[in-house]
Amino acid sequence: MIYHYTYESRVPVSPQVAWEWITSVEGISKEMSPLLRMTAPKGVKKLRM
């Protein structure tokens, strides 16, 4: 049996602010904690897409 789940959240920020958070090393680490931890070389604060 296969289950599918959909989660939806409304956040009170602009898409640009949300994108800045979800592509930052700090944001990824905090959102994935405690399952994962993202590390990066010193000085890297953001992922480039």
N, C-alpha and C. Protein backbone atom coordinates (compact mmCIF):
# COMPACT_ATOMS: atom_id res chain seq x y z
N MET A 1 0.84 -1.17 0.00
CA MET A 1 0.00 0.00 0.00
C MET A 1 0.89 1.24 0.00
N ILE A 2 0.57 2.20 -0.82
CA ILE A 2 1.34 3.44 -0.92
C ILE A 2 0.49 4.59 -0.37
N TYR A 3 1.12 5.39 0.48
CA TYR A 3 0.47 6.57 1.02
C TYR A 3 1.13 7.81 0.47
N HIS A 4 0.36 8.81 0.19
CA HIS A 4 0.88 10.10 -0.27
C HIS A 4 0.39 11.18 0.68
N TYR A 5 1.28 12.04 1.08
CA TYR A 5 0.94 13.14 1.97
C TYR A 5 1.30 14.45 1.31
N THR A 6 0.48 15.43 1.53
CA THR A 6 0.77 16.77 1.05
C THR A 6 0.68 17.72 2.24
N TYR A 7 1.69 18.52 2.41
CA TYR A 7 1.71 19.51 3.48
C TYR A 7 1.76 20.89 2.85
N GLU A 8 1.05 21.80 3.43
CA GLU A 8 1.02 23.16 2.91
C GLU A 8 1.06 24.11 4.09
N SER A 9 1.86 25.15 3.95
CA SER A 9 1.97 26.15 5.00
C SER A 9 1.89 27.53 4.38
N ARG A 10 1.34 28.43 5.11
CA ARG A 10 1.33 29.83 4.69
C ARG A 10 2.31 30.57 5.59
N VAL A 11 3.20 31.28 4.97
CA VAL A 11 4.19 32.04 5.74
C VAL A 11 4.02 33.52 5.43
N PRO A 12 4.10 34.35 6.45
CA PRO A 12 3.84 35.77 6.27
C PRO A 12 5.06 36.56 5.76
N VAL A 13 5.73 36.04 4.73
CA VAL A 13 6.87 36.74 4.15
C VAL A 13 6.74 36.69 2.62
N SER A 14 7.49 37.54 1.97
CA SER A 14 7.47 37.56 0.50
C SER A 14 8.19 36.32 -0.04
N PRO A 15 7.91 35.94 -1.28
CA PRO A 15 8.65 34.82 -1.88
C PRO A 15 10.17 35.05 -1.88
N GLN A 16 10.59 36.28 -2.07
CA GLN A 16 12.04 36.57 -2.08
C GLN A 16 12.67 36.31 -0.71
N VAL A 17 12.01 36.73 0.35
CA VAL A 17 12.53 36.49 1.71
C VAL A 17 12.55 34.99 2.01
N ALA A 18 11.49 34.29 1.61
CA ALA A 18 11.45 32.84 1.83
C ALA A 18 12.58 32.16 1.05
N TRP A 19 12.83 32.56 -0.19
CA TRP A 19 13.89 31.96 -1.00
C TRP A 19 15.26 32.21 -0.38
N GLU A 20 15.48 33.41 0.13
CA GLU A 20 16.75 33.72 0.80
C GLU A 20 16.98 32.77 1.98
N TRP A 21 15.93 32.49 2.74
CA TRP A 21 16.05 31.61 3.90
C TRP A 21 16.30 30.17 3.48
N ILE A 22 15.54 29.66 2.51
CA ILE A 22 15.67 28.25 2.16
C ILE A 22 16.92 27.94 1.36
N THR A 23 17.59 28.95 0.84
CA THR A 23 18.85 28.70 0.14
C THR A 23 20.06 29.11 0.96
N SER A 24 19.84 29.48 2.22
CA SER A 24 20.97 29.82 3.08
C SER A 24 21.42 28.58 3.85
N VAL A 25 22.69 28.51 4.15
CA VAL A 25 23.24 27.38 4.92
C VAL A 25 22.55 27.33 6.29
N GLU A 26 22.37 28.47 6.91
CA GLU A 26 21.70 28.50 8.22
C GLU A 26 20.26 28.00 8.12
N GLY A 27 19.55 28.45 7.11
CA GLY A 27 18.15 28.03 6.94
C GLY A 27 18.03 26.54 6.71
N ILE A 28 18.88 25.99 5.84
CA ILE A 28 18.84 24.55 5.57
C ILE A 28 19.15 23.77 6.84
N SER A 29 20.17 24.18 7.57
CA SER A 29 20.53 23.48 8.80
C SER A 29 19.40 23.51 9.81
N LYS A 30 18.78 24.66 9.99
CA LYS A 30 17.70 24.77 10.98
C LYS A 30 16.46 24.00 10.56
N GLU A 31 16.13 24.02 9.28
CA GLU A 31 14.93 23.31 8.81
C GLU A 31 15.10 21.80 8.86
N MET A 32 16.29 21.30 8.66
CA MET A 32 16.53 19.86 8.61
C MET A 32 16.93 19.27 9.97
N SER A 33 17.18 20.11 10.94
CA SER A 33 17.58 19.67 12.27
C SER A 33 16.40 18.95 12.93
N PRO A 34 16.58 17.94 13.67
CA PRO A 34 17.81 17.28 14.11
C PRO A 34 18.23 16.12 13.21
N LEU A 35 17.56 15.92 12.07
CA LEU A 35 17.88 14.78 11.21
C LEU A 35 19.18 14.97 10.44
N LEU A 36 19.40 16.16 9.95
CA LEU A 36 20.58 16.46 9.16
C LEU A 36 21.20 17.76 9.62
N ARG A 37 22.45 17.93 9.28
CA ARG A 37 23.13 19.19 9.56
C ARG A 37 23.93 19.55 8.32
N MET A 38 23.76 20.76 7.85
CA MET A 38 24.50 21.19 6.67
C MET A 38 25.71 21.98 7.10
N THR A 39 26.84 21.63 6.54
CA THR A 39 28.06 22.39 6.80
C THR A 39 28.56 22.95 5.48
N ALA A 40 29.38 23.96 5.57
CA ALA A 40 29.94 24.59 4.38
C ALA A 40 31.28 25.20 4.76
N PRO A 41 32.14 25.44 3.78
CA PRO A 41 33.41 26.10 4.07
C PRO A 41 33.17 27.48 4.67
N LYS A 42 34.13 27.94 5.47
CA LYS A 42 34.01 29.28 6.07
C LYS A 42 33.73 30.31 4.98
N GLY A 43 32.86 31.22 5.28
CA GLY A 43 32.54 32.29 4.34
C GLY A 43 31.38 31.97 3.41
N VAL A 44 31.00 30.71 3.28
CA VAL A 44 29.86 30.35 2.43
C VAL A 44 28.60 30.48 3.27
N LYS A 45 27.74 31.36 2.87
CA LYS A 45 26.50 31.63 3.62
C LYS A 45 25.27 31.21 2.84
N LYS A 46 25.40 31.06 1.52
CA LYS A 46 24.24 30.88 0.65
C LYS A 46 24.58 29.94 -0.49
N LEU A 47 23.60 29.15 -0.90
CA LEU A 47 23.75 28.31 -2.08
C LEU A 47 23.41 29.14 -3.31
N ARG A 48 24.11 28.94 -4.36
CA ARG A 48 23.81 29.65 -5.61
C ARG A 48 23.07 28.72 -6.54
N MET A 49 21.97 29.21 -7.05
CA MET A 49 21.15 28.40 -7.96
C MET A 49 21.23 28.95 -9.36
